[in-house]
Amino acid sequence: MPDRPRVFVTRNLPGDALGLLRQTCEVAVWPDQLPPSPDDLRREAATTHGLLTLLTDHIDATLLAAAPNLIAVSNMATGYDNIDVADASRRLVLVSRTPGVLTETSADLAFGLLLAAARRI
């Protein structure tokens, strides 16, 4: 592995969300807000050590086979239905997720819906 592992992030994140990652890794970010195509994602994965993905990014056996240096996939979501976990495990690729990422947002939405119902909006 090179001095700095390469991480591909499938969406441009707001603010300095990637600052900590950039301190230790070479970071490449997909420039569009739309998800990368399967071919684009496979092409990027072929030269990367880590993927930071969303639920709209499908990490299947074909992509994993095309990524010989991949050691980790982190999904920015509470679930991981978009990742072939069984194949990743066979290839010794770590799969992680962010289970508490939507807690505050869900509470905000629930409170907003309560207010809307109370005011009959």
PDB file of N, CA and C in Angstrom:
ATOM      1  N   MET A   1       0.850  -1.184   0.000  1.00  0.00           N
ATOM      2  CA  MET A   1       0.000   0.000   0.000  1.00  0.00           C
ATOM      3  C   MET A   1       0.892   1.242   0.000  1.00  0.00           C
ATOM      4  N   PRO A   2       0.511   2.277  -0.746  1.00  0.00           N
ATOM      5  CA  PRO A   2       1.297   3.512  -0.755  1.00  0.00           C
ATOM      6  C   PRO A   2       1.269   4.184   0.617  1.00  0.00           C
ATOM      7  N   ASP A   3       2.079   5.236   0.762  1.00  0.00           N
ATOM      8  CA  ASP A   3       2.124   5.967   2.035  1.00  0.00           C
ATOM      9  C   ASP A   3       0.751   6.474   2.448  1.00  0.00           C
ATOM     10  N   ARG A   4      -0.016   6.937   1.477  1.00  0.00           N
ATOM     11  CA  ARG A   4      -1.355   7.459   1.758  1.00  0.00           C
ATOM     12  C   ARG A   4      -2.369   6.653   0.955  1.00  0.00           C
ATOM     13  N   PRO A   5      -3.231   5.915   1.637  1.00  0.00           N
ATOM     14  CA  PRO A   5      -4.239   5.145   0.907  1.00  0.00           C
ATOM     15  C   PRO A   5      -5.194   6.062   0.156  1.00  0.00           C
ATOM     16  N   ARG A   6      -5.700   5.574  -0.956  1.00  0.00           N
ATOM     17  CA  ARG A   6      -6.632   6.353  -1.775  1.00  0.00           C
ATOM     18  C   ARG A   6      -8.063   5.999  -1.389  1.00  0.00           C
ATOM     19  N   VAL A   7      -8.876   7.036  -1.155  1.00  0.00           N
ATOM     20  CA  VAL A   7     -10.287   6.869  -0.816  1.00  0.00           C
ATOM     21  C   VAL A   7     -11.119   7.606  -1.855  1.00  0.00           C
ATOM     22  N   PHE A   8     -12.129   6.930  -2.379  1.00  0.00           N
ATOM     23  CA  PHE A   8     -13.046   7.559  -3.330  1.00  0.00           C
ATOM     24  C   PHE A   8     -14.370   7.815  -2.636  1.00  0.00           C
ATOM     25  N   VAL A   9     -14.828   9.067  -2.691  1.00  0.00           N
ATOM     26  CA  VAL A   9     -16.091   9.487  -2.082  1.00  0.00           C
ATOM     27  C   VAL A   9     -17.079   9.732  -3.214  1.00  0.00           C
ATOM     28  N   THR A  10     -18.238   9.086  -3.151  1.00  0.00           N
ATOM     29  CA  THR A  10     -19.161   9.102  -4.286  1.00  0.00           C
ATOM     30  C   THR A  10     -20.026  10.354  -4.397  1.00  0.00           C
ATOM     31  N   ARG A  11     -19.945  11.274  -3.461  1.00  0.00           N
ATOM     32  CA  ARG A  11     -20.647  12.563  -3.562  1.00  0.00           C
ATOM     33  C   ARG A  11     -19.797  13.639  -2.910  1.00  0.00           C
ATOM     34  N   ASN A  12     -19.973  14.852  -3.391  1.00  0.00           N
ATOM     35  CA  ASN A  12     -19.288  15.983  -2.802  1.00  0.00           C
ATOM     36  C   ASN A  12     -20.007  16.358  -1.508  1.00  0.00           C
ATOM     37  N   LEU A  13     -19.333  16.241  -0.388  1.00  0.00           N
ATOM     38  CA  LEU A  13     -19.943  16.512   0.908  1.00  0.00           C
ATOM     39  C   LEU A  13     -19.785  17.985   1.276  1.00  0.00           C
ATOM     40  N   PRO A  14     -20.759  18.548   1.992  1.00  0.00           N
ATOM     41  CA  PRO A  14     -20.701  19.969   2.341  1.00  0.00           C
ATOM     42  C   PRO A  14     -19.654  20.263   3.415  1.00  0.00           C
ATOM     43  N   GLY A  15     -19.230  21.525   3.436  1.00  0.00           N
ATOM     44  CA  GLY A  15     -18.313  21.969   4.480  1.00  0.00           C
ATOM     45  C   GLY A  15     -16.985  21.238   4.436  1.00  0.00           C
ATOM     46  N   ASP A  16     -16.412  21.062   5.610  1.00  0.00           N
ATOM     47  CA  ASP A  16     -15.125  20.385   5.703  1.00  0.00           C
ATOM     48  C   ASP A  16     -15.291  18.960   6.211  1.00  0.00           C
ATOM     49  N   ALA A  17     -16.315  18.285   5.730  1.00  0.00           N
ATOM     50  CA  ALA A  17     -16.589  16.918   6.177  1.00  0.00           C
ATOM     51  C   ALA A  17     -15.443  15.969   5.838  1.00  0.00           C
ATOM     52  N   LEU A  18     -14.674  16.292   4.838  1.00  0.00           N
ATOM     53  CA  LEU A  18     -13.596  15.399   4.410  1.00  0.00           C
ATOM     54  C   LEU A  18     -12.227  15.821   4.937  1.00  0.00           C
ATOM     55  N   GLY A  19     -12.203  16.892   5.726  1.00  0.00           N
ATOM     56  CA  GLY A  19     -10.930  17.415   6.221  1.00  0.00           C
ATOM     57  C   GLY A  19     -10.098  16.399   6.977  1.00  0.00           C
ATOM     58  N   LEU A  20     -10.714  15.687   7.901  1.00  0.00           N
ATOM     59  CA  LEU A  20      -9.993  14.687   8.688  1.00  0.00           C
ATOM     60  C   LEU A  20      -9.476  13.562   7.797  1.00  0.00           C
ATOM     61  N   LEU A  21     -10.285  13.138   6.855  1.00  0.00           N
ATOM     62  CA  LEU A  21      -9.880  12.075   5.934  1.00  0.00           C
ATOM     63  C   LEU A  21      -8.695  12.513   5.080  1.00  0.00           C
ATOM     64  N   ARG A  22      -8.704  13.766   4.659  1.00  0.00           N
ATOM     65  CA  ARG A  22      -7.617  14.277   3.808  1.00  0.00           C
ATOM     66  C   ARG A  22      -6.284  14.364   4.558  1.00  0.00           C
ATOM     67  N   GLN A  23      -6.334  14.403   5.886  1.00  0.00           N
ATOM     68  CA  GLN A  23      -5.090  14.461   6.657  1.00  0.00           C
ATOM     69  C   GLN A  23      -4.277  13.176   6.524  1.00  0.00           C
ATOM     70  N   THR A  24      -4.957  12.061   6.291  1.00  0.00           N
ATOM     71  CA  THR A  24      -4.245  10.781   6.248  1.00  0.00           C
ATOM     72  C   THR A  24      -4.375  10.036   4.922  1.00  0.00           C
ATOM     73  N   CYS A  25      -5.281  10.485   4.057  1.00  0.00           N
ATOM     74  CA  CYS A  25      -5.542   9.756   2.811  1.00  0.00           C
ATOM     75  C   CYS A  25      -5.519  10.683   1.604  1.00  0.00           C
ATOM     76  N   GLU A  26      -5.261  10.090   0.457  1.00  0.00           N
ATOM     77  CA  GLU A  26      -5.479  10.777  -0.814  1.00  0.00           C
ATOM     78  C   GLU A  26      -6.968  10.608  -1.111  1.00  0.00           C
ATOM     79  N   VAL A  27      -7.692  11.716  -1.225  1.00  0.00           N
ATOM     80  CA  VAL A  27      -9.145  11.662  -1.369  1.00  0.00           C
ATOM     81  C   VAL A  27      -9.550  12.134  -2.759  1.00  0.00           C
ATOM     82  N   ALA A  28     -10.348  11.320  -3.441  1.00  0.00           N
ATOM     83  CA  ALA A  28     -10.946  11.696  -4.722  1.00  0.00           C
ATOM     84  C   ALA A  28     -12.455  11.754  -4.503  1.00  0.00           C
ATOM     85  N   VAL A  29     -13.082  12.819  -5.000  1.00  0.00           N
ATOM     86  CA  VAL A  29     -14.518  13.026  -4.783  1.00  0.00           C
ATOM     87  C   VAL A  29     -15.228  13.107  -6.130  1.00  0.00           C
ATOM     88  N   TRP A  30     -16.334  12.367  -6.257  1.00  0.00           N
ATOM     89  CA  TRP A  30     -17.162  12.445  -7.458  1.00  0.00           C
ATOM     90  C   TRP A  30     -17.704  13.869  -7.542  1.00  0.00           C
ATOM     91  N   PRO A  31     -17.539  14.568  -8.668  1.00  0.00           N
ATOM     92  CA  PRO A  31     -17.878  15.989  -8.739  1.00  0.00           C
ATOM     93  C   PRO A  31     -19.365  16.309  -8.865  1.00  0.00           C
ATOM     94  N   ASP A  32     -20.188  15.331  -9.144  1.00  0.00           N
ATOM     95  CA  ASP A  32     -21.607  15.570  -9.410  1.00  0.00           C
ATOM     96  C   ASP A  32     -22.453  15.184  -8.203  1.00  0.00           C
ATOM     97  N   GLN A  33     -23.658  15.766  -8.077  1.00  0.00           N
ATOM     98  CA  GLN A  33     -24.579  15.361  -7.022  1.00  0.00           C
ATOM     99  C   GLN A  33     -25.363  14.112  -7.414  1.00  0.00           C
ATOM    100  N   LEU A  34     -25.376  13.790  -8.692  1.00  0.00           N
ATOM    101  CA  LEU A  34     -25.981  12.534  -9.139  1.00  0.00           C
ATOM    102  C   LEU A  34     -24.995  11.405  -8.886  1.00  0.00           C
ATOM    103  N   PRO A  35     -25.484  10.200  -8.636  1.00  0.00           N
ATOM    104  CA  PRO A  35     -24.553   9.096  -8.377  1.00  0.00           C
ATOM    105  C   PRO A  35     -23.710   8.769  -9.600  1.00  0.00           C
ATOM    106  N   PRO A  36     -22.490   8.295  -9.377  1.00  0.00           N
ATOM    107  CA  PRO A  36     -21.691   7.854 -10.519  1.00  0.00           C
ATOM    108  C   PRO A  36     -22.335   6.633 -11.168  1.00  0.00           C
ATOM    109  N   SER A  37     -22.144   6.498 -12.458  1.00  0.00           N
ATOM    110  CA  SER A  37     -22.669   5.318 -13.156  1.00  0.00           C
ATOM    111  C   SER A  37     -21.921   4.084 -12.653  1.00  0.00           C
ATOM    112  N   PRO A  38     -22.489   2.899 -12.844  1.00  0.00           N
ATOM    113  CA  PRO A  38     -21.767   1.680 -12.432  1.00  0.00           C
ATOM    114  C   PRO A  38     -20.375   1.579 -13.059  1.00  0.00           C
ATOM    115  N   ASP A  39     -20.251   1.983 -14.323  1.00  0.00           N
ATOM    116  CA  ASP A  39     -18.938   1.935 -14.980  1.00  0.00           C
ATOM    117  C   ASP A  39     -17.960   2.915 -14.342  1.00  0.00           C
ATOM    118  N   ASP A  40     -18.431   4.138 -14.062  1.00  0.00           N
ATOM    119  CA  ASP A  40     -17.566   5.130 -13.417  1.00  0.00           C
ATOM    120  C   ASP A  40     -17.151   4.672 -12.021  1.00  0.00           C
ATOM    121  N   LEU A  41     -18.097   4.135 -11.279  1.00  0.00           N
ATOM    122  CA  LEU A  41     -17.797   3.664  -9.926  1.00  0.00           C
ATOM    123  C   LEU A  41     -16.795   2.506  -9.969  1.00  0.00           C
ATOM    124  N   ARG A  42     -16.972   1.596 -10.902  1.00  0.00           N
ATOM    125  CA  ARG A  42     -16.055   0.465 -11.055  1.00  0.00           C
ATOM    126  C   ARG A  42     -14.655   0.962 -11.443  1.00  0.00           C
ATOM    127  N   ARG A  43     -14.589   1.944 -12.329  1.00  0.00           N
ATOM    128  CA  ARG A  43     -13.304   2.498 -12.765  1.00  0.00           C
ATOM    129  C   ARG A  43     -12.565   3.144 -11.580  1.00  0.00           C
ATOM    130  N   GLU A  44     -13.297   3.905 -10.773  1.00  0.00           N
ATOM    131  CA  GLU A  44     -12.680   4.537  -9.599  1.00  0.00           C
ATOM    132  C   GLU A  44     -12.265   3.493  -8.565  1.00  0.00           C
ATOM    133  N   ALA A  45     -13.112   2.495  -8.352  1.00  0.00           N
ATOM    134  CA  ALA A  45     -12.828   1.464  -7.349  1.00  0.00           C
ATOM    135  C   ALA A  45     -11.597   0.642  -7.710  1.00  0.00           C
ATOM    136  N   ALA A  46     -11.287   0.560  -8.988  1.00  0.00           N
ATOM    137  CA  ALA A  46     -10.153  -0.252  -9.437  1.00  0.00           C
ATOM    138  C   ALA A  46      -8.827   0.240  -8.873  1.00  0.00           C
ATOM    139  N   THR A  47      -8.747   1.515  -8.514  1.00  0.00           N
ATOM    140  CA  THR A  47      -7.483   2.081  -8.029  1.00  0.00           C
ATOM    141  C   THR A  47      -7.587   2.631  -6.610  1.00  0.00           C
ATOM    142  N   THR A  48      -8.573   2.182  -5.870  1.00  0.00           N
ATOM    143  CA  THR A  48      -8.792   2.767  -4.549  1.00  0.00           C
ATOM    144  C   THR A  48      -8.673   1.729  -3.444  1.00  0.00           C
ATOM    145  N   HIS A  49      -8.411   2.211  -2.237  1.00  0.00           N
ATOM    146  CA  HIS A  49      -8.325   1.351  -1.051  1.00  0.00           C
ATOM    147  C   HIS A  49      -9.596   1.430  -0.215  1.00  0.00           C
ATOM    148  N   GLY A  50     -10.313   2.550  -0.334  1.00  0.00           N
ATOM    149  CA  GLY A  50     -11.534   2.723   0.443  1.00  0.00           C
ATOM    150  C   GLY A  50     -12.599   3.443  -0.353  1.00  0.00           C
ATOM    151  N   LEU A  51     -13.854   3.079  -0.100  1.00  0.00           N
ATOM    152  CA  LEU A  51     -14.995   3.746  -0.733  1.00  0.00           C
ATOM    153  C   LEU A  51     -15.880   4.333   0.355  1.00  0.00           C
ATOM    154  N   LEU A  52     -16.311   5.564   0.166  1.00  0.00           N
ATOM    155  CA  LEU A  52     -17.283   6.211   1.040  1.00  0.00           C
ATOM    156  C   LEU A  52     -18.519   6.430   0.175  1.00  0.00           C
ATOM    157  N   THR A  53     -19.589   5.663   0.446  1.00  0.00           N
ATOM    158  CA  THR A  53     -20.725   5.570  -0.468  1.00  0.00           C
ATOM    159  C   THR A  53     -22.041   5.992   0.170  1.00  0.00           C
ATOM    160  N   LEU A  54     -23.050   6.128  -0.683  1.00  0.00           N
ATOM    161  CA  LEU A  54     -24.432   6.359  -0.257  1.00  0.00           C
ATOM    162  C   LEU A  54     -25.273   5.166  -0.698  1.00  0.00           C
ATOM    163  N   LEU A  55     -26.530   5.132  -0.250  1.00  0.00           N
ATOM    164  CA  LEU A  55     -27.413   4.011  -0.593  1.00  0.00           C
ATOM    165  C   LEU A  55     -27.660   3.863  -2.090  1.00  0.00           C
ATOM    166  N   THR A  56     -27.486   4.923  -2.845  1.00  0.00           N
ATOM    167  CA  THR A  56     -27.716   4.862  -4.290  1.00  0.00           C
ATOM    168  C   THR A  56     -26.542   4.248  -5.050  1.00  0.00           C
ATOM    169  N   ASP A  57     -25.442   3.985  -4.363  1.00  0.00           N
ATOM    170  CA  ASP A  57     -24.268   3.375  -4.984  1.00  0.00           C
ATOM    171  C   ASP A  57     -24.308   1.870  -4.752  1.00  0.00           C
ATOM    172  N   HIS A  58     -24.334   1.112  -5.828  1.00  0.00           N
ATOM    173  CA  HIS A  58     -24.431  -0.343  -5.714  1.00  0.00           C
ATOM    174  C   HIS A  58     -23.036  -0.967  -5.741  1.00  0.00           C
ATOM    175  N   ILE A  59     -22.677  -1.566  -4.622  1.00  0.00           N
ATOM    176  CA  ILE A  59     -21.379  -2.219  -4.490  1.00  0.00           C
ATOM    177  C   ILE A  59     -21.634  -3.722  -4.580  1.00  0.00           C
ATOM    178  N   ASP A  60     -21.532  -4.245  -5.793  1.00  0.00           N
ATOM    179  CA  ASP A  60     -21.861  -5.655  -6.023  1.00  0.00           C
ATOM    180  C   ASP A  60     -20.591  -6.468  -6.283  1.00  0.00           C
ATOM    181  N   ALA A  61     -20.772  -7.751  -6.546  1.00  0.00           N
ATOM    182  CA  ALA A  61     -19.641  -8.655  -6.760  1.00  0.00           C
ATOM    183  C   ALA A  61     -18.788  -8.226  -7.954  1.00  0.00           C
ATOM    184  N   THR A  62     -19.417  -7.687  -8.992  1.00  0.00           N
ATOM    185  CA  THR A  62     -18.666  -7.233 -10.172  1.00  0.00           C
ATOM    186  C   THR A  62     -17.733  -6.089  -9.807  1.00  0.00           C
ATOM    187  N   LEU A  63     -18.241  -5.128  -9.048  1.00  0.00           N
ATOM    188  CA  LEU A  63     -17.408  -4.008  -8.630  1.00  0.00           C
ATOM    189  C   LEU A  63     -16.298  -4.494  -7.702  1.00  0.00           C
ATOM    190  N   LEU A  64     -16.628  -5.341  -6.750  1.00  0.00           N
ATOM    191  CA  LEU A  64     -15.621  -5.833  -5.808  1.00  0.00           C
ATOM    192  C   LEU A  64     -14.523  -6.613  -6.526  1.00  0.00           C
ATOM    193  N   ALA A  65     -14.881  -7.360  -7.554  1.00  0.00           N
ATOM    194  CA  ALA A  65     -13.887  -8.109  -8.328  1.00  0.00           C
ATOM    195  C   ALA A  65     -12.954  -7.174  -9.088  1.00  0.00           C
ATOM    196  N   ALA A  66     -13.450  -6.004  -9.452  1.00  0.00           N
ATOM    197  CA  ALA A  66     -12.655  -5.035 -10.209  1.00  0.00           C
ATOM    198  C   ALA A  66     -11.794  -4.150  -9.310  1.00  0.00           C
ATOM    199  N   ALA A  67     -11.868  -4.365  -7.999  1.00  0.00           N
ATOM    200  CA  ALA A  67     -11.163  -3.509  -7.042  1.00  0.00           C
ATOM    201  C   ALA A  67     -10.197  -4.338  -6.190  1.00  0.00           C
ATOM    202  N   PRO A  68      -9.065  -4.734  -6.749  1.00  0.00           N
ATOM    203  CA  PRO A  68      -8.161  -5.640  -6.029  1.00  0.00           C
ATOM    204  C   PRO A  68      -7.519  -5.038  -4.780  1.00  0.00           C
ATOM    205  N   ASN A  69      -7.448  -3.713  -4.698  1.00  0.00           N
ATOM    206  CA  ASN A  69      -6.813  -3.063  -3.546  1.00  0.00           C
ATOM    207  C   ASN A  69      -7.807  -2.607  -2.486  1.00  0.00           C
ATOM    208  N   LEU A  70      -9.082  -2.830  -2.726  1.00  0.00           N
ATOM    209  CA  LEU A  70     -10.116  -2.336  -1.816  1.00  0.00           C
ATOM    210  C   LEU A  70     -10.046  -3.060  -0.473  1.00  0.00           C
ATOM    211  N   ILE A  71     -10.022  -2.275   0.616  1.00  0.00           N
ATOM    212  CA  ILE A  71      -9.994  -2.880   1.950  1.00  0.00           C
ATOM    213  C   ILE A  71     -11.183  -2.460   2.807  1.00  0.00           C
ATOM    214  N   ALA A  72     -11.888  -1.378   2.398  1.00  0.00           N
ATOM    215  CA  ALA A  72     -13.018  -0.930   3.220  1.00  0.00           C
ATOM    216  C   ALA A  72     -14.045  -0.185   2.383  1.00  0.00           C
ATOM    217  N   VAL A  73     -15.321  -0.405   2.735  1.00  0.00           N
ATOM    218  CA  VAL A  73     -16.443   0.342   2.159  1.00  0.00           C
ATOM    219  C   VAL A  73     -17.243   0.872   3.337  1.00  0.00           C
ATOM    220  N   SER A  74     -17.417   2.185   3.391  1.00  0.00           N
ATOM    221  CA  SER A  74     -18.216   2.784   4.450  1.00  0.00           C
ATOM    222  C   SER A  74     -19.430   3.443   3.817  1.00  0.00           C
ATOM    223  N   ASN A  75     -20.593   3.032   4.265  1.00  0.00           N
ATOM    224  CA  ASN A  75     -21.854   3.514   3.711  1.00  0.00           C
ATOM    225  C   ASN A  75     -22.392   4.634   4.597  1.00  0.00           C
ATOM    226  N   MET A  76     -22.627   5.800   4.015  1.00  0.00           N
ATOM    227  CA  MET A  76     -23.181   6.924   4.776  1.00  0.00           C
ATOM    228  C   MET A  76     -24.693   6.770   4.842  1.00  0.00           C
ATOM    229  N   ALA A  77     -25.129   5.783   5.602  1.00  0.00           N
ATOM    230  CA  ALA A  77     -26.546   5.464   5.751  1.00  0.00           C
ATOM    231  C   ALA A  77     -26.692   4.517   6.933  1.00  0.00           C
ATOM    232  N   THR A  78     -27.925   4.314   7.346  1.00  0.00           N
ATOM    233  CA  THR A  78     -28.146   3.389   8.456  1.00  0.00           C
ATOM    234  C   THR A  78     -28.153   1.938   7.999  1.00  0.00           C
ATOM    235  N   GLY A  79     -28.372   1.699   6.734  1.00  0.00           N
ATOM    236  CA  GLY A  79     -28.419   0.333   6.212  1.00  0.00           C
ATOM    237  C   GLY A  79     -27.296   0.075   5.242  1.00  0.00           C
ATOM    238  N   TYR A  80     -27.319  -1.112   4.669  1.00  0.00           N
ATOM    239  CA  TYR A  80     -26.293  -1.479   3.693  1.00  0.00           C
ATOM    240  C   TYR A  80     -26.832  -2.472   2.671  1.00  0.00           C
ATOM    241  N   ASP A  81     -28.116  -2.324   2.315  1.00  0.00           N
ATOM    242  CA  ASP A  81     -28.720  -3.193   1.303  1.00  0.00           C
ATOM    243  C   ASP A  81     -28.073  -3.037  -0.071  1.00  0.00           C
ATOM    244  N   ASN A  82     -27.375  -1.950  -0.292  1.00  0.00           N
ATOM    245  CA  ASN A  82     -26.738  -1.680  -1.574  1.00  0.00           C
ATOM    246  C   ASN A  82     -25.365  -2.338  -1.719  1.00  0.00           C
ATOM    247  N   ILE A  83     -24.923  -3.043  -0.681  1.00  0.00           N
ATOM    248  CA  ILE A  83     -23.593  -3.652  -0.692  1.00  0.00           C
ATOM    249  C   ILE A  83     -23.725  -5.171  -0.608  1.00  0.00           C
ATOM    250  N   ASP A  84     -22.993  -5.864  -1.460  1.00  0.00           N
ATOM    251  CA  ASP A  84     -22.951  -7.325  -1.398  1.00  0.00           C
ATOM    252  C   ASP A  84     -21.998  -7.700  -0.259  1.00  0.00           C
ATOM    253  N   VAL A  85     -22.553  -7.751   0.946  1.00  0.00           N
ATOM    254  CA  VAL A  85     -21.744  -7.984   2.143  1.00  0.00           C
ATOM    255  C   VAL A  85     -21.093  -9.364   2.112  1.00  0.00           C
ATOM    256  N   ALA A  86     -21.792 -10.363   1.616  1.00  0.00           N
ATOM    257  CA  ALA A  86     -21.230 -11.717   1.559  1.00  0.00           C
ATOM    258  C   ALA A  86     -19.983 -11.753   0.679  1.00  0.00           C
ATOM    259  N   ASP A  87     -20.055 -11.126  -0.490  1.00  0.00           N
ATOM    260  CA  ASP A  87     -18.891 -11.118  -1.380  1.00  0.00           C
ATOM    261  C   ASP A  87     -17.767 -10.270  -0.793  1.00  0.00           C
ATOM    262  N   ALA A  88     -18.119  -9.142  -0.184  1.00  0.00           N
ATOM    263  CA  ALA A  88     -17.100  -8.308   0.463  1.00  0.00           C
ATOM    264  C   ALA A  88     -16.390  -9.099   1.561  1.00  0.00           C
ATOM    265  N   SER A  89     -17.140  -9.858   2.336  1.00  0.00           N
ATOM    266  CA  SER A  89     -16.541 -10.674   3.406  1.00  0.00           C
ATOM    267  C   SER A  89     -15.596 -11.721   2.832  1.00  0.00           C
ATOM    268  N   ARG A  90     -15.995 -12.349   1.734  1.00  0.00           N
ATOM    269  CA  ARG A  90     -15.122 -13.335   1.080  1.00  0.00           C
ATOM    270  C   ARG A  90     -13.808 -12.708   0.632  1.00  0.00           C
ATOM    271  N   ARG A  91     -13.879 -11.467   0.246  1.00  0.00           N
ATOM    272  CA  ARG A  91     -12.687 -10.760  -0.240  1.00  0.00           C
ATOM    273  C   ARG A  91     -11.957 -10.020   0.890  1.00  0.00           C
ATOM    274  N   LEU A  92     -12.413 -10.196   2.120  1.00  0.00           N
ATOM    275  CA  LEU A  92     -11.840  -9.551   3.303  1.00  0.00           C
ATOM    276  C   LEU A  92     -11.922  -8.027   3.228  1.00  0.00           C
ATOM    277  N   VAL A  93     -13.007  -7.518   2.650  1.00  0.00           N
ATOM    278  CA  VAL A  93     -13.262  -6.078   2.585  1.00  0.00           C
ATOM    279  C   VAL A  93     -14.192  -5.721   3.739  1.00  0.00           C
ATOM    280  N   LEU A  94     -13.748  -4.811   4.586  1.00  0.00           N
ATOM    281  CA  LEU A  94     -14.539  -4.356   5.717  1.00  0.00           C
ATOM    282  C   LEU A  94     -15.708  -3.507   5.225  1.00  0.00           C
ATOM    283  N   VAL A  95     -16.907  -3.761   5.734  1.00  0.00           N
ATOM    284  CA  VAL A  95     -18.091  -2.970   5.395  1.00  0.00           C
ATOM    285  C   VAL A  95     -18.593  -2.311   6.672  1.00  0.00           C
ATOM    286  N   SER A  96     -18.783  -0.986   6.624  1.00  0.00           N
ATOM    287  CA  SER A  96     -19.305  -0.273   7.791  1.00  0.00           C
ATOM    288  C   SER A  96     -20.434   0.653   7.360  1.00  0.00           C
ATOM    289  N   ARG A  97     -21.138   1.184   8.359  1.00  0.00           N
ATOM    290  CA  ARG A  97     -22.251   2.091   8.097  1.00  0.00           C
ATOM    291  C   ARG A  97     -22.288   3.132   9.198  1.00  0.00           C
ATOM    292  N   THR A  98     -23.218   4.054   9.103  1.00  0.00           N
ATOM    293  CA  THR A  98     -23.341   5.126  10.092  1.00  0.00           C
ATOM    294  C   THR A  98     -24.726   5.057  10.724  1.00  0.00           C
ATOM    295  N   PRO A  99     -24.928   4.174  11.711  1.00  0.00           N
ATOM    296  CA  PRO A  99     -26.272   3.914  12.232  1.00  0.00           C
ATOM    297  C   PRO A  99     -26.964   5.106  12.873  1.00  0.00           C
ATOM    298  N   GLY A 100     -26.270   6.041  13.452  1.00  0.00           N
ATOM    299  CA  GLY A 100     -26.933   7.153  14.131  1.00  0.00           C
ATOM    300  C   GLY A 100     -27.024   8.421  13.306  1.00  0.00           C
ATOM    301  N   VAL A 101     -26.685   8.330  12.031  1.00  0.00           N
ATOM    302  CA  VAL A 101     -26.565   9.528  11.211  1.00  0.00           C
ATOM    303  C   VAL A 101     -27.879  10.290  11.029  1.00  0.00           C
ATOM    304  N   LEU A 102     -28.999   9.615  11.105  1.00  0.00           N
ATOM    305  CA  LEU A 102     -30.284  10.278  10.854  1.00  0.00           C
ATOM    306  C   LEU A 102     -31.107  10.544  12.113  1.00  0.00           C
ATOM    307  N   THR A 103     -30.555  10.330  13.287  1.00  0.00           N
ATOM    308  CA  THR A 103     -31.313  10.469  14.526  1.00  0.00           C
ATOM    309  C   THR A 103     -31.865  11.880  14.700  1.00  0.00           C
ATOM    310  N   GLU A 104     -31.006  12.898  14.614  1.00  0.00           N
ATOM    311  CA  GLU A 104     -31.466  14.277  14.805  1.00  0.00           C
ATOM    312  C   GLU A 104     -32.406  14.707  13.687  1.00  0.00           C
ATOM    313  N   THR A 105     -32.096  14.335  12.472  1.00  0.00           N
ATOM    314  CA  THR A 105     -32.942  14.696  11.340  1.00  0.00           C
ATOM    315  C   THR A 105     -34.328  14.084  11.475  1.00  0.00           C
ATOM    316  N   SER A 106     -34.391  12.842  11.907  1.00  0.00           N
ATOM    317  CA  SER A 106     -35.696  12.186  12.101  1.00  0.00           C
ATOM    318  C   SER A 106     -36.490  12.872  13.199  1.00  0.00           C
ATOM    319  N   ALA A 107     -35.828  13.265  14.272  1.00  0.00           N
ATOM    320  CA  ALA A 107     -36.512  13.977  15.357  1.00  0.00           C
ATOM    321  C   ALA A 107     -37.022  15.332  14.870  1.00  0.00           C
ATOM    322  N   ASP A 108     -36.228  16.039  14.087  1.00  0.00           N
ATOM    323  CA  ASP A 108     -36.664  17.328  13.534  1.00  0.00           C
ATOM    324  C   ASP A 108     -37.894  17.156  12.651  1.00  0.00           C
ATOM    325  N   LEU A 109     -37.875  16.144  11.796  1.00  0.00           N
ATOM    326  CA  LEU A 109     -39.016  15.889  10.921  1.00  0.00           C
ATOM    327  C   LEU A 109     -40.262  15.554  11.733  1.00  0.00           C
ATOM    328  N   ALA A 110     -40.112  14.701  12.732  1.00  0.00           N
ATOM    329  CA  ALA A 110     -41.264  14.324  13.567  1.00  0.00           C
ATOM    330  C   ALA A 110     -41.854  15.544  14.264  1.00  0.00           C
ATOM    331  N   PHE A 111     -41.007  16.406  14.797  1.00  0.00           N
ATOM    332  CA  PHE A 111     -41.495  17.605  15.474  1.00  0.00           C
ATOM    333  C   PHE A 111     -42.197  18.531  14.482  1.00  0.00           C
ATOM    334  N   GLY A 112     -41.629  18.688  13.294  1.00  0.00           N
ATOM    335  CA  GLY A 112     -42.264  19.509  12.263  1.00  0.00           C
ATOM    336  C   GLY A 112     -43.622  18.967  11.858  1.00  0.00           C
ATOM    337  N   LEU A 113     -43.738  17.650  11.734  1.00  0.00           N
ATOM    338  CA  LEU A 113     -45.026  17.034  11.398  1.00  0.00           C
ATOM    339  C   LEU A 113     -46.045  17.229  12.518  1.00  0.00           C
ATOM    340  N   LEU A 114     -45.585  17.157  13.768  1.00  0.00           N
ATOM    341  CA  LEU A 114     -46.482  17.421  14.903  1.00  0.00           C
ATOM    342  C   LEU A 114     -47.025  18.845  14.849  1.00  0.00           C
ATOM    343  N   LEU A 115     -46.146  19.802  14.578  1.00  0.00           N
ATOM    344  CA  LEU A 115     -46.584  21.198  14.471  1.00  0.00           C
ATOM    345  C   LEU A 115     -47.561  21.377  13.312  1.00  0.00           C
ATOM    346  N   ALA A 116     -47.255  20.770  12.183  1.00  0.00           N
ATOM    347  CA  ALA A 116     -48.141  20.881  11.021  1.00  0.00           C
ATOM    348  C   ALA A 116     -49.508  20.279  11.320  1.00  0.00           C
ATOM    349  N   ALA A 117     -49.536  19.140  12.002  1.00  0.00           N
ATOM    350  CA  ALA A 117     -50.817  18.508  12.345  1.00  0.00           C
ATOM    351  C   ALA A 117     -51.592  19.356  13.347  1.00  0.00           C
ATOM    352  N   ALA A 118     -50.884  19.914  14.321  1.00  0.00           N
ATOM    353  CA  ALA A 118     -51.547  20.738  15.337  1.00  0.00           C
ATOM    354  C   ALA A 118     -52.148  21.998  14.727  1.00  0.00           C
ATOM    355  N   ARG A 119     -51.493  22.545  13.733  1.00  0.00           N
ATOM    356  CA  ARG A 119     -51.992  23.770  13.082  1.00  0.00           C
ATOM    357  C   ARG A 119     -52.860  23.465  11.870  1.00  0.00           C
ATOM    358  N   ARG A 120     -53.041  22.185  11.595  1.00  0.00           N
ATOM    359  CA  ARG A 120     -53.863  21.725  10.470  1.00  0.00           C
ATOM    360  C   ARG A 120     -53.392  22.313   9.135  1.00  0.00           C
ATOM    361  N   ILE A 121     -52.103  22.258   8.949  1.00  0.00           N
ATOM    362  CA  ILE A 121     -51.529  22.767   7.700  1.00  0.00           C
ATOM    363  C   ILE A 121     -51.443  21.627   6.695  1.00  0.00           C
TER     364      ILE A 121
END
